[in-house]
Amino acid sequence: MPKEYINPKTLFPSLKYGFSQIVTSQGGRTIYISGQTPWNAEEKIIGTTRHEQARQSLKNLQMAIEAVGGSPKDIVSLRIYMVDYQPEVDAEAIANELKAFFPEIRLQQPGSGFLPLL
């Protein structure tokens, strides 16, 4: 599916945080994946830090997309929800995990929405 990644100079430079401001796609099949958490297949939470839990959630996302024949490069959008968000710690943790999850497409990161939950 052809995709175009757009990061206007009029918006802040989001690639360093692991996402693009805008992604367009045309044609092809659209797949919707339920929210992924740091649970493993045995319903145990993996990790005690934001890094570890984000890594496990992204690992689960990768397994889900691979189950339908896709790969991380096919992802065009992410929504990230976090409880007890602490920007001074959590922003970097999530950004680092996103950049590690999408290493081969540095200039073509999925669009992402982030919502801290109270």
PDB file of N, CA and C in Angstrom:
ATOM      1  N   MET A   1       0.845  -1.164   0.000  1.00  0.00           N
ATOM      2  CA  MET A   1       0.000   0.000   0.000  1.00  0.00           C
ATOM      3  C   MET A   1       0.897   1.235   0.000  1.00  0.00           C
ATOM      4  N   PRO A   2       0.766   2.088  -1.007  1.00  0.00           N
ATOM      5  CA  PRO A   2       1.593   3.297  -1.051  1.00  0.00           C
ATOM      6  C   PRO A   2       1.266   4.233   0.108  1.00  0.00           C
ATOM      7  N   LYS A   3       2.319   4.759   0.719  1.00  0.00           N
ATOM      8  CA  LYS A   3       2.145   5.685   1.836  1.00  0.00           C
ATOM      9  C   LYS A   3       3.025   6.909   1.607  1.00  0.00           C
ATOM     10  N   GLU A   4       2.573   8.033   2.113  1.00  0.00           N
ATOM     11  CA  GLU A   4       3.370   9.252   2.074  1.00  0.00           C
ATOM     12  C   GLU A   4       3.464   9.794   3.499  1.00  0.00           C
ATOM     13  N   TYR A   5       4.684  10.086   3.933  1.00  0.00           N
ATOM     14  CA  TYR A   5       4.942  10.609   5.276  1.00  0.00           C
ATOM     15  C   TYR A   5       5.270  12.088   5.146  1.00  0.00           C
ATOM     16  N   ILE A   6       4.548  12.909   5.883  1.00  0.00           N
ATOM     17  CA  ILE A   6       4.686  14.361   5.739  1.00  0.00           C
ATOM     18  C   ILE A   6       4.961  14.969   7.114  1.00  0.00           C
ATOM     19  N   ASN A   7       5.997  15.781   7.173  1.00  0.00           N
ATOM     20  CA  ASN A   7       6.355  16.485   8.400  1.00  0.00           C
ATOM     21  C   ASN A   7       6.581  17.953   8.060  1.00  0.00           C
ATOM     22  N   PRO A   8       5.492  18.737   8.030  1.00  0.00           N
ATOM     23  CA  PRO A   8       5.613  20.141   7.642  1.00  0.00           C
ATOM     24  C   PRO A   8       6.556  20.914   8.559  1.00  0.00           C
ATOM     25  N   LYS A   9       7.280  21.813   7.974  1.00  0.00           N
ATOM     26  CA  LYS A   9       8.200  22.654   8.752  1.00  0.00           C
ATOM     27  C   LYS A   9       7.438  23.570   9.710  1.00  0.00           C
ATOM     28  N   THR A  10       6.133  23.739   9.483  1.00  0.00           N
ATOM     29  CA  THR A  10       5.314  24.593  10.343  1.00  0.00           C
ATOM     30  C   THR A  10       4.890  23.895  11.632  1.00  0.00           C
ATOM     31  N   LEU A  11       5.174  22.585  11.754  1.00  0.00           N
ATOM     32  CA  LEU A  11       4.889  21.825  12.974  1.00  0.00           C
ATOM     33  C   LEU A  11       6.202  21.412  13.621  1.00  0.00           C
ATOM     34  N   PHE A  12       6.166  21.058  14.891  1.00  0.00           N
ATOM     35  CA  PHE A  12       7.415  20.696  15.570  1.00  0.00           C
ATOM     36  C   PHE A  12       8.007  19.428  14.954  1.00  0.00           C
ATOM     37  N   PRO A  13       9.342  19.251  15.025  1.00  0.00           N
ATOM     38  CA  PRO A  13      10.015  18.103  14.411  1.00  0.00           C
ATOM     39  C   PRO A  13       9.770  16.816  15.207  1.00  0.00           C
ATOM     40  N   SER A  14       8.768  16.058  14.818  1.00  0.00           N
ATOM     41  CA  SER A  14       8.322  14.897  15.596  1.00  0.00           C
ATOM     42  C   SER A  14       9.136  13.631  15.369  1.00  0.00           C
ATOM     43  N   LEU A  15       9.918  13.555  14.296  1.00  0.00           N
ATOM     44  CA  LEU A  15      10.658  12.319  14.016  1.00  0.00           C
ATOM     45  C   LEU A  15      11.587  11.930  15.157  1.00  0.00           C
ATOM     46  N   LYS A  16      12.147  12.917  15.845  1.00  0.00           N
ATOM     47  CA  LYS A  16      13.045  12.590  16.958  1.00  0.00           C
ATOM     48  C   LYS A  16      12.304  11.920  18.106  1.00  0.00           C
ATOM     49  N   TYR A  17      10.978  12.018  18.110  1.00  0.00           N
ATOM     50  CA  TYR A  17      10.156  11.348  19.118  1.00  0.00           C
ATOM     51  C   TYR A  17       9.567  10.040  18.602  1.00  0.00           C
ATOM     52  N   GLY A  18       9.898   9.672  17.373  1.00  0.00           N
ATOM     53  CA  GLY A  18       9.481   8.384  16.841  1.00  0.00           C
ATOM     54  C   GLY A  18       8.172   8.372  16.088  1.00  0.00           C
ATOM     55  N   PHE A  19       7.685   9.535  15.632  1.00  0.00           N
ATOM     56  CA  PHE A  19       6.451   9.534  14.840  1.00  0.00           C
ATOM     57  C   PHE A  19       6.439  10.674  13.829  1.00  0.00           C
ATOM     58  N   SER A  20       5.626  10.488  12.776  1.00  0.00           N
ATOM     59  CA  SER A  20       5.409  11.518  11.766  1.00  0.00           C
ATOM     60  C   SER A  20       4.163  12.312  12.113  1.00  0.00           C
ATOM     61  N   GLN A  21       4.118  13.543  11.644  1.00  0.00           N
ATOM     62  CA  GLN A  21       2.939  14.375  11.877  1.00  0.00           C
ATOM     63  C   GLN A  21       1.750  13.909  11.035  1.00  0.00           C
ATOM     64  N   ILE A  22       2.010  13.491   9.799  1.00  0.00           N
ATOM     65  CA  ILE A  22       0.941  13.113   8.873  1.00  0.00           C
ATOM     66  C   ILE A  22       1.383  11.888   8.081  1.00  0.00           C
ATOM     67  N   VAL A  23       0.466  10.942   7.894  1.00  0.00           N
ATOM     68  CA  VAL A  23       0.707   9.798   7.014  1.00  0.00           C
ATOM     69  C   VAL A  23      -0.532   9.642   6.145  1.00  0.00           C
ATOM     70  N   THR A  24      -0.331   9.555   4.832  1.00  0.00           N
ATOM     71  CA  THR A  24      -1.446   9.264   3.937  1.00  0.00           C
ATOM     72  C   THR A  24      -1.208   7.891   3.334  1.00  0.00           C
ATOM     73  N   SER A  25      -2.286   7.171   3.050  1.00  0.00           N
ATOM     74  CA  SER A  25      -2.169   5.869   2.387  1.00  0.00           C
ATOM     75  C   SER A  25      -3.319   5.729   1.405  1.00  0.00           C
ATOM     76  N   GLN A  26      -3.093   4.906   0.390  1.00  0.00           N
ATOM     77  CA  GLN A  26      -4.110   4.696  -0.633  1.00  0.00           C
ATOM     78  C   GLN A  26      -4.216   3.221  -0.952  1.00  0.00           C
ATOM     79  N   GLY A  27      -5.444   2.774  -1.228  1.00  0.00           N
ATOM     80  CA  GLY A  27      -5.664   1.405  -1.670  1.00  0.00           C
ATOM     81  C   GLY A  27      -5.304   0.376  -0.624  1.00  0.00           C
ATOM     82  N   GLY A  28      -5.377  -0.867  -1.007  1.00  0.00           N
ATOM     83  CA  GLY A  28      -4.967  -1.950  -0.132  1.00  0.00           C
ATOM     84  C   GLY A  28      -5.980  -2.280   0.946  1.00  0.00           C
ATOM     85  N   ARG A  29      -5.608  -3.182   1.796  1.00  0.00           N
ATOM     86  CA  ARG A  29      -6.442  -3.669   2.889  1.00  0.00           C
ATOM     87  C   ARG A  29      -6.108  -2.888   4.153  1.00  0.00           C
ATOM     88  N   THR A  30      -7.122  -2.528   4.922  1.00  0.00           N
ATOM     89  CA  THR A  30      -6.935  -1.842   6.197  1.00  0.00           C
ATOM     90  C   THR A  30      -7.207  -2.824   7.321  1.00  0.00           C
ATOM     91  N   ILE A  31      -6.310  -2.876   8.289  1.00  0.00           N
ATOM     92  CA  ILE A  31      -6.434  -3.794   9.423  1.00  0.00           C
ATOM     93  C   ILE A  31      -6.466  -2.964  10.698  1.00  0.00           C
ATOM     94  N   TYR A  32      -7.376  -3.301  11.592  1.00  0.00           N
ATOM     95  CA  TYR A  32      -7.490  -2.617  12.875  1.00  0.00           C
ATOM     96  C   TYR A  32      -7.077  -3.593  13.966  1.00  0.00           C
ATOM     97  N   ILE A  33      -6.105  -3.210  14.768  1.00  0.00           N
ATOM     98  CA  ILE A  33      -5.580  -4.076  15.827  1.00  0.00           C
ATOM     99  C   ILE A  33      -6.004  -3.501  17.174  1.00  0.00           C
ATOM    100  N   SER A  34      -6.520  -4.355  18.023  1.00  0.00           N
ATOM    101  CA  SER A  34      -6.916  -3.922  19.367  1.00  0.00           C
ATOM    102  C   SER A  34      -5.716  -3.391  20.133  1.00  0.00           C
ATOM    103  N   GLY A  35      -5.994  -2.589  21.144  1.00  0.00           N
ATOM    104  CA  GLY A  35      -4.933  -2.036  21.970  1.00  0.00           C
ATOM    105  C   GLY A  35      -4.060  -3.125  22.568  1.00  0.00           C
ATOM    106  N   GLN A  36      -2.763  -2.916  22.520  1.00  0.00           N
ATOM    107  CA  GLN A  36      -1.811  -3.887  23.043  1.00  0.00           C
ATOM    108  C   GLN A  36      -1.241  -3.368  24.356  1.00  0.00           C
ATOM    109  N   THR A  37      -1.071  -4.266  25.276  1.00  0.00           N
ATOM    110  CA  THR A  37      -0.577  -3.950  26.613  1.00  0.00           C
ATOM    111  C   THR A  37       0.695  -4.746  26.862  1.00  0.00           C
ATOM    112  N   PRO A  38       1.346  -4.562  28.012  1.00  0.00           N
ATOM    113  CA  PRO A  38       2.550  -5.340  28.292  1.00  0.00           C
ATOM    114  C   PRO A  38       2.269  -6.758  28.777  1.00  0.00           C
ATOM    115  N   TRP A  39       1.085  -7.292  28.538  1.00  0.00           N
ATOM    116  CA  TRP A  39       0.800  -8.686  28.897  1.00  0.00           C
ATOM    117  C   TRP A  39       1.464  -9.629  27.913  1.00  0.00           C
ATOM    118  N   ASN A  40       1.901 -10.791  28.422  1.00  0.00           N
ATOM    119  CA  ASN A  40       2.344 -11.854  27.523  1.00  0.00           C
ATOM    120  C   ASN A  40       1.161 -12.787  27.268  1.00  0.00           C
ATOM    121  N   ALA A  41       1.384 -13.891  26.561  1.00  0.00           N
ATOM    122  CA  ALA A  41       0.301 -14.822  26.214  1.00  0.00           C
ATOM    123  C   ALA A  41      -0.324 -15.467  27.444  1.00  0.00           C
ATOM    124  N   GLU A  42       0.404 -15.492  28.552  1.00  0.00           N
ATOM    125  CA  GLU A  42      -0.105 -16.074  29.804  1.00  0.00           C
ATOM    126  C   GLU A  42      -0.771 -15.019  30.691  1.00  0.00           C
ATOM    127  N   GLU A  43      -1.009 -13.830  30.136  1.00  0.00           N
ATOM    128  CA  GLU A  43      -1.657 -12.721  30.836  1.00  0.00           C
ATOM    129  C   GLU A  43      -0.855 -12.198  32.024  1.00  0.00           C
ATOM    130  N   LYS A  44       0.449 -12.262  31.913  1.00  0.00           N
ATOM    131  CA  LYS A  44       1.354 -11.714  32.932  1.00  0.00           C
ATOM    132  C   LYS A  44       1.936 -10.406  32.404  1.00  0.00           C
ATOM    133  N   ILE A  45       1.988  -9.393  33.259  1.00  0.00           N
ATOM    134  CA  ILE A  45       2.598  -8.126  32.865  1.00  0.00           C
ATOM    135  C   ILE A  45       4.104  -8.318  32.770  1.00  0.00           C
ATOM    136  N   ILE A  46       4.656  -7.912  31.645  1.00  0.00           N
ATOM    137  CA  ILE A  46       6.093  -8.016  31.426  1.00  0.00           C
ATOM    138  C   ILE A  46       6.708  -6.641  31.658  1.00  0.00           C
ATOM    139  N   GLY A  47       7.688  -6.580  32.536  1.00  0.00           N
ATOM    140  CA  GLY A  47       8.416  -5.346  32.783  1.00  0.00           C
ATOM    141  C   GLY A  47       7.873  -4.548  33.952  1.00  0.00           C
ATOM    142  N   THR A  48       8.790  -3.826  34.570  1.00  0.00           N
ATOM    143  CA  THR A  48       8.417  -2.957  35.686  1.00  0.00           C
ATOM    144  C   THR A  48       8.658  -1.486  35.348  1.00  0.00           C
ATOM    145  N   THR A  49       9.413  -1.223  34.289  1.00  0.00           N
ATOM    146  CA  THR A  49       9.686   0.158  33.885  1.00  0.00           C
ATOM    147  C   THR A  49       8.865   0.503  32.648  1.00  0.00           C
ATOM    148  N   ARG A  50       8.758   1.797  32.361  1.00  0.00           N
ATOM    149  CA  ARG A  50       8.047   2.243  31.149  1.00  0.00           C
ATOM    150  C   ARG A  50       8.720   1.679  29.904  1.00  0.00           C
ATOM    151  N   HIS A  51      10.062   1.668  29.896  1.00  0.00           N
ATOM    152  CA  HIS A  51      10.790   1.111  28.753  1.00  0.00           C
ATOM    153  C   HIS A  51      10.375  -0.334  28.514  1.00  0.00           C
ATOM    154  N   GLU A  52      10.446  -1.148  29.540  1.00  0.00           N
ATOM    155  CA  GLU A  52      10.152  -2.579  29.410  1.00  0.00           C
ATOM    156  C   GLU A  52       8.701  -2.819  29.010  1.00  0.00           C
ATOM    157  N   GLN A  53       7.796  -2.067  29.596  1.00  0.00           N
ATOM    158  CA  GLN A  53       6.385  -2.267  29.278  1.00  0.00           C
ATOM    159  C   GLN A  53       6.058  -1.772  27.869  1.00  0.00           C
ATOM    160  N   ALA A  54       6.664  -0.669  27.456  1.00  0.00           N
ATOM    161  CA  ALA A  54       6.469  -0.191  26.083  1.00  0.00           C
ATOM    162  C   ALA A  54       7.036  -1.200  25.095  1.00  0.00           C
ATOM    163  N   ARG A  55       8.207  -1.745  25.402  1.00  0.00           N
ATOM    164  CA  ARG A  55       8.836  -2.743  24.528  1.00  0.00           C
ATOM    165  C   ARG A  55       7.939  -3.966  24.365  1.00  0.00           C
ATOM    166  N   GLN A  56       7.361  -4.453  25.464  1.00  0.00           N
ATOM    167  CA  GLN A  56       6.478  -5.621  25.386  1.00  0.00           C
ATOM    168  C   GLN A  56       5.204  -5.293  24.603  1.00  0.00           C
ATOM    169  N   SER A  57       4.653  -4.114  24.812  1.00  0.00           N
ATOM    170  CA  SER A  57       3.454  -3.715  24.070  1.00  0.00           C
ATOM    171  C   SER A  57       3.739  -3.659  22.573  1.00  0.00           C
ATOM    172  N   LEU A  58       4.897  -3.120  22.198  1.00  0.00           N
ATOM    173  CA  LEU A  58       5.270  -3.067  20.785  1.00  0.00           C
ATOM    174  C   LEU A  58       5.565  -4.460  20.234  1.00  0.00           C
ATOM    175  N   LYS A  59       6.146  -5.322  21.050  1.00  0.00           N
ATOM    176  CA  LYS A  59       6.367  -6.716  20.640  1.00  0.00           C
ATOM    177  C   LYS A  59       5.022  -7.387  20.346  1.00  0.00           C
ATOM    178  N   ASN A  60       4.030  -7.145  21.203  1.00  0.00           N
ATOM    179  CA  ASN A  60       2.696  -7.698  20.974  1.00  0.00           C
ATOM    180  C   ASN A  60       2.089  -7.134  19.691  1.00  0.00           C
ATOM    181  N   LEU A  61       2.283  -5.848  19.450  1.00  0.00           N
ATOM    182  CA  LEU A  61       1.795  -5.228  18.223  1.00  0.00           C
ATOM    183  C   LEU A  61       2.431  -5.890  17.006  1.00  0.00           C
ATOM    184  N   GLN A  62       3.734  -6.141  17.083  1.00  0.00           N
ATOM    185  CA  GLN A  62       4.423  -6.792  15.969  1.00  0.00           C
ATOM    186  C   GLN A  62       3.866  -8.195  15.732  1.00  0.00           C
ATOM    187  N   MET A  63       3.630  -8.953  16.792  1.00  0.00           N
ATOM    188  CA  MET A  63       3.067 -10.298  16.622  1.00  0.00           C
ATOM    189  C   MET A  63       1.676 -10.227  16.000  1.00  0.00           C
ATOM    190  N   ALA A  64       0.888  -9.233  16.396  1.00  0.00           N
ATOM    191  CA  ALA A  64      -0.462  -9.087  15.842  1.00  0.00           C
ATOM    192  C   ALA A  64      -0.407  -8.767  14.356  1.00  0.00           C
ATOM    193  N   ILE A  65       0.437  -7.825  13.969  1.00  0.00           N
ATOM    194  CA  ILE A  65       0.482  -7.445  12.556  1.00  0.00           C
ATOM    195  C   ILE A  65       1.090  -8.554  11.702  1.00  0.00           C
ATOM    196  N   GLU A  66       2.053  -9.286  12.262  1.00  0.00           N
ATOM    197  CA  GLU A  66       2.629 -10.410  11.522  1.00  0.00           C
ATOM    198  C   GLU A  66       1.619 -11.541  11.348  1.00  0.00           C
ATOM    199  N   ALA A  67       0.678 -11.672  12.282  1.00  0.00           N
ATOM    200  CA  ALA A  67      -0.346 -12.719  12.189  1.00  0.00           C
ATOM    201  C   ALA A  67      -1.252 -12.523  10.975  1.00  0.00           C
ATOM    202  N   VAL A  68      -1.310 -11.304  10.444  1.00  0.00           N
ATOM    203  CA  VAL A  68      -2.121 -11.041   9.254  1.00  0.00           C
ATOM    204  C   VAL A  68      -1.252 -10.727   8.036  1.00  0.00           C
ATOM    205  N   GLY A  69       0.034 -11.097   8.121  1.00  0.00           N
ATOM    206  CA  GLY A  69       0.928 -10.949   6.975  1.00  0.00           C
ATOM    207  C   GLY A  69       1.577  -9.589   6.820  1.00  0.00           C
ATOM    208  N   GLY A  70       1.523  -8.759   7.843  1.00  0.00           N
ATOM    209  CA  GLY A  70       2.126  -7.433   7.765  1.00  0.00           C
ATOM    210  C   GLY A  70       3.422  -7.343   8.541  1.00  0.00           C
ATOM    211  N   SER A  71       3.964  -6.145   8.605  1.00  0.00           N
ATOM    212  CA  SER A  71       5.180  -5.874   9.369  1.00  0.00           C
ATOM    213  C   SER A  71       5.079  -4.449   9.910  1.00  0.00           C
ATOM    214  N   PRO A  72       5.973  -4.057  10.816  1.00  0.00           N
ATOM    215  CA  PRO A  72       5.917  -2.693  11.349  1.00  0.00           C
ATOM    216  C   PRO A  72       5.910  -1.609  10.269  1.00  0.00           C
ATOM    217  N   LYS A  73       6.537  -1.861   9.137  1.00  0.00           N
ATOM    218  CA  LYS A  73       6.558  -0.836   8.088  1.00  0.00           C
ATOM    219  C   LYS A  73       5.176  -0.562   7.500  1.00  0.00           C
ATOM    220  N   ASP A  74       4.216  -1.444   7.750  1.00  0.00           N
ATOM    221  CA  ASP A  74       2.853  -1.255   7.254  1.00  0.00           C
ATOM    222  C   ASP A  74       1.985  -0.420   8.193  1.00  0.00           C
ATOM    223  N   ILE A  75       2.463  -0.138   9.385  1.00  0.00           N
ATOM    224  CA  ILE A  75       1.684   0.611  10.377  1.00  0.00           C
ATOM    225  C   ILE A  75       1.681   2.090  10.000  1.00  0.00           C
ATOM    226  N   VAL A  76       0.490   2.680   9.935  1.00  0.00           N
ATOM    227  CA  VAL A  76       0.400   4.096   9.574  1.00  0.00           C
ATOM    228  C   VAL A  76      -0.003   4.986  10.746  1.00  0.00           C
ATOM    229  N   SER A  77      -0.512   4.396  11.828  1.00  0.00           N
ATOM    230  CA  SER A  77      -0.959   5.221  12.949  1.00  0.00           C
ATOM    231  C   SER A  77      -0.918   4.430  14.253  1.00  0.00           C
ATOM    232  N   LEU A  78      -0.551   5.103  15.314  1.00  0.00           N
ATOM    233  CA  LEU A  78      -0.552   4.525  16.662  1.00  0.00           C
ATOM    234  C   LEU A  78      -1.306   5.456  17.600  1.00  0.00           C
ATOM    235  N   ARG A  79      -1.965   4.874  18.573  1.00  0.00           N
ATOM    236  CA  ARG A  79      -2.529   5.642  19.692  1.00  0.00           C
ATOM    237  C   ARG A  79      -1.903   5.077  20.955  1.00  0.00           C
ATOM    238  N   ILE A  80      -1.331   5.948  21.742  1.00  0.00           N
ATOM    239  CA  ILE A  80      -0.643   5.518  22.955  1.00  0.00           C
ATOM    240  C   ILE A  80      -1.348   6.140  24.156  1.00  0.00           C
ATOM    241  N   TYR A  81      -1.734   5.295  25.088  1.00  0.00           N
ATOM    242  CA  TYR A  81      -2.372   5.737  26.327  1.00  0.00           C
ATOM    243  C   TYR A  81      -1.460   5.349  27.491  1.00  0.00           C
ATOM    244  N   MET A  82      -1.311   6.237  28.464  1.00  0.00           N
ATOM    245  CA  MET A  82      -0.438   5.942  29.588  1.00  0.00           C
ATOM    246  C   MET A  82      -1.037   6.482  30.882  1.00  0.00           C
ATOM    247  N   VAL A  83      -1.054   5.638  31.892  1.00  0.00           N
ATOM    248  CA  VAL A  83      -1.520   6.026  33.224  1.00  0.00           C
ATOM    249  C   VAL A  83      -0.341   6.613  34.001  1.00  0.00           C
ATOM    250  N   ASP A  84      -0.607   7.594  34.843  1.00  0.00           N
ATOM    251  CA  ASP A  84       0.424   8.213  35.694  1.00  0.00           C
ATOM    252  C   ASP A  84       1.594   8.762  34.880  1.00  0.00           C
ATOM    253  N   TYR A  85       1.284   9.435  33.810  1.00  0.00           N
ATOM    254  CA  TYR A  85       2.297   9.985  32.911  1.00  0.00           C
ATOM    255  C   TYR A  85       3.171  11.008  33.623  1.00  0.00           C
ATOM    256  N   GLN A  86       4.490  10.832  33.486  1.00  0.00           N
ATOM    257  CA  GLN A  86       5.481  11.755  34.024  1.00  0.00           C
ATOM    258  C   GLN A  86       6.347  12.204  32.855  1.00  0.00           C
ATOM    259  N   PRO A  87       6.065  13.363  32.268  1.00  0.00           N
ATOM    260  CA  PRO A  87       6.732  13.760  31.033  1.00  0.00           C
ATOM    261  C   PRO A  87       8.251  13.740  31.092  1.00  0.00           C
ATOM    262  N   GLU A  88       8.813  14.122  32.230  1.00  0.00           N
ATOM    263  CA  GLU A  88      10.278  14.191  32.321  1.00  0.00           C
ATOM    264  C   GLU A  88      10.937  12.825  32.190  1.00  0.00           C
ATOM    265  N   VAL A  89      10.211  11.748  32.395  1.00  0.00           N
ATOM    266  CA  VAL A  89      10.754  10.390  32.295  1.00  0.00           C
ATOM    267  C   VAL A  89      10.114   9.630  31.138  1.00  0.00           C
ATOM    268  N   ASP A  90       8.806   9.681  31.066  1.00  0.00           N
ATOM    269  CA  ASP A  90       8.061   8.823  30.148  1.00  0.00           C
ATOM    270  C   ASP A  90       8.188   9.217  28.684  1.00  0.00           C
ATOM    271  N   ALA A  91       8.280  10.500  28.378  1.00  0.00           N
ATOM    272  CA  ALA A  91       8.373  10.930  26.981  1.00  0.00           C
ATOM    273  C   ALA A  91       9.588  10.306  26.310  1.00  0.00           C
ATOM    274  N   GLU A  92      10.727  10.350  26.984  1.00  0.00           N
ATOM    275  CA  GLU A  92      11.947   9.773  26.418  1.00  0.00           C
ATOM    276  C   GLU A  92      11.846   8.254  26.321  1.00  0.00           C
ATOM    277  N   ALA A  93      11.269   7.616  27.319  1.00  0.00           N
ATOM    278  CA  ALA A  93      11.132   6.154  27.306  1.00  0.00           C
ATOM    279  C   ALA A  93      10.317   5.702  26.108  1.00  0.00           C
ATOM    280  N   ILE A  94       9.186   6.342  25.882  1.00  0.00           N
ATOM    281  CA  ILE A  94       8.324   5.961  24.766  1.00  0.00           C
ATOM    282  C   ILE A  94       8.997   6.288  23.438  1.00  0.00           C
ATOM    283  N   ALA A  95       9.591   7.473  23.328  1.00  0.00           N
ATOM    284  CA  ALA A  95      10.265   7.859  22.086  1.00  0.00           C
ATOM    285  C   ALA A  95      11.371   6.871  21.735  1.00  0.00           C
ATOM    286  N   ASN A  96      12.175   6.476  22.709  1.00  0.00           N
ATOM    287  CA  ASN A  96      13.267   5.531  22.447  1.00  0.00           C
ATOM    288  C   ASN A  96      12.744   4.183  21.979  1.00  0.00           C
ATOM    289  N   GLU A  97      11.671   3.714  22.574  1.00  0.00           N
ATOM    290  CA  GLU A  97      11.114   2.420  22.162  1.00  0.00           C
ATOM    291  C   GLU A  97      10.491   2.501  20.772  1.00  0.00           C
ATOM    292  N   LEU A  98       9.831   3.605  20.457  1.00  0.00           N
ATOM    293  CA  LEU A  98       9.270   3.765  19.113  1.00  0.00           C
ATOM    294  C   LEU A  98      10.372   3.799  18.064  1.00  0.00           C
ATOM    295  N   LYS A  99      11.447   4.531  18.336  1.00  0.00           N
ATOM    296  CA  LYS A  99      12.551   4.609  17.371  1.00  0.00           C
ATOM    297  C   LYS A  99      13.231   3.261  17.202  1.00  0.00           C
ATOM    298  N   ALA A 100      13.318   2.475  18.258  1.00  0.00           N
ATOM    299  CA  ALA A 100      13.901   1.133  18.157  1.00  0.00           C
ATOM    300  C   ALA A 100      12.975   0.187  17.397  1.00  0.00           C
ATOM    301  N   PHE A 101      11.670   0.366  17.544  1.00  0.00           N
ATOM    302  CA  PHE A 101      10.695  -0.502  16.886  1.00  0.00           C
ATOM    303  C   PHE A 101      10.629  -0.240  15.385  1.00  0.00           C
ATOM    304  N   PHE A 102      10.876   0.991  14.968  1.00  0.00           N
ATOM    305  CA  PHE A 102      10.829   1.369  13.557  1.00  0.00           C
ATOM    306  C   PHE A 102      12.210   1.820  13.066  1.00  0.00           C
ATOM    307  N   PRO A 103      13.274   1.030  13.247  1.00  0.00           N
ATOM    308  CA  PRO A 103      14.624   1.518  12.955  1.00  0.00           C
ATOM    309  C   PRO A 103      14.902   1.753  11.479  1.00  0.00           C
ATOM    310  N   GLU A 104      14.340   0.933  10.611  1.00  0.00           N
ATOM    311  CA  GLU A 104      14.682   1.011   9.197  1.00  0.00           C
ATOM    312  C   GLU A 104      13.937   2.115   8.470  1.00  0.00           C
ATOM    313  N   ILE A 105      13.009   2.766   9.134  1.00  0.00           N
ATOM    314  CA  ILE A 105      12.219   3.788   8.454  1.00  0.00           C
ATOM    315  C   ILE A 105      12.275   5.107   9.215  1.00  0.00           C
ATOM    316  N   ARG A 106      13.450   5.549   9.544  1.00  0.00           N
ATOM    317  CA  ARG A 106      13.659   6.731  10.374  1.00  0.00           C
ATOM    318  C   ARG A 106      12.888   7.970   9.903  1.00  0.00           C
ATOM    319  N   LEU A 107      12.791   8.184   8.603  1.00  0.00           N
ATOM    320  CA  LEU A 107      12.109   9.368   8.101  1.00  0.00           C
ATOM    321  C   LEU A 107      10.652   9.090   7.779  1.00  0.00           C
ATOM    322  N   GLN A 108      10.206   7.863   8.034  1.00  0.00           N
ATOM    323  CA  GLN A 108       8.840   7.474   7.702  1.00  0.00           C
ATOM    324  C   GLN A 108       8.198   6.795   8.905  1.00  0.00           C
ATOM    325  N   GLN A 109       8.017   7.536   9.963  1.00  0.00           N
ATOM    326  CA  GLN A 109       7.416   6.994  11.180  1.00  0.00           C
ATOM    327  C   GLN A 109       5.901   7.125  11.106  1.00  0.00           C
ATOM    328  N   PRO A 110       5.160   6.185  11.708  1.00  0.00           N
ATOM    329  CA  PRO A 110       3.704   6.310  11.725  1.00  0.00           C
ATOM    330  C   PRO A 110       3.263   7.573  12.459  1.00  0.00           C
ATOM    331  N   GLY A 111       2.104   8.068  12.084  1.00  0.00           N
ATOM    332  CA  GLY A 111       1.502   9.142  12.862  1.00  0.00           C
ATOM    333  C   GLY A 111       1.123   8.583  14.224  1.00  0.00           C
ATOM    334  N   SER A 112       1.247   9.363  15.265  1.00  0.00           N
ATOM    335  CA  SER A 112       0.956   8.853  16.607  1.00  0.00           C
ATOM    336  C   SER A 112       0.184   9.875  17.418  1.00  0.00           C
ATOM    337  N   GLY A 113      -0.742   9.359  18.205  1.00  0.00           N
ATOM    338  CA  GLY A 113      -1.450  10.179  19.179  1.00  0.00           C
ATOM    339  C   GLY A 113      -1.098   9.673  20.566  1.00  0.00           C
ATOM    340  N   PHE A 114      -0.898  10.578  21.495  1.00  0.00           N
ATOM    341  CA  PHE A 114      -0.511  10.189  22.850  1.00  0.00           C
ATOM    342  C   PHE A 114      -1.471  10.836  23.828  1.00  0.00           C
ATOM    343  N   LEU A 115      -2.042  10.034  24.715  1.00  0.00           N
ATOM    344  CA  LEU A 115      -2.998  10.550  25.684  1.00  0.00           C
ATOM    345  C   LEU A 115      -2.656  10.058  27.079  1.00  0.00           C
ATOM    346  N   PRO A 116      -2.178  10.953  27.955  1.00  0.00           N
ATOM    347  CA  PRO A 116      -1.967  10.560  29.347  1.00  0.00           C
ATOM    348  C   PRO A 116      -3.326  10.379  30.031  1.00  0.00           C
ATOM    349  N   LEU A 117      -3.463   9.327  30.791  1.00  0.00           N
ATOM    350  CA  LEU A 117      -4.699   9.056  31.525  1.00  0.00           C
ATOM    351  C   LEU A 117      -4.500   9.384  32.993  1.00  0.00           C
ATOM    352  N   LEU A 118      -5.522   9.902  33.619  1.00  0.00           N
ATOM    353  CA  LEU A 118      -5.434  10.240  35.040  1.00  0.00           C
ATOM    354  C   LEU A 118      -5.860   9.078  35.889  1.00  0.00           C
TER     355      LEU A 118
END
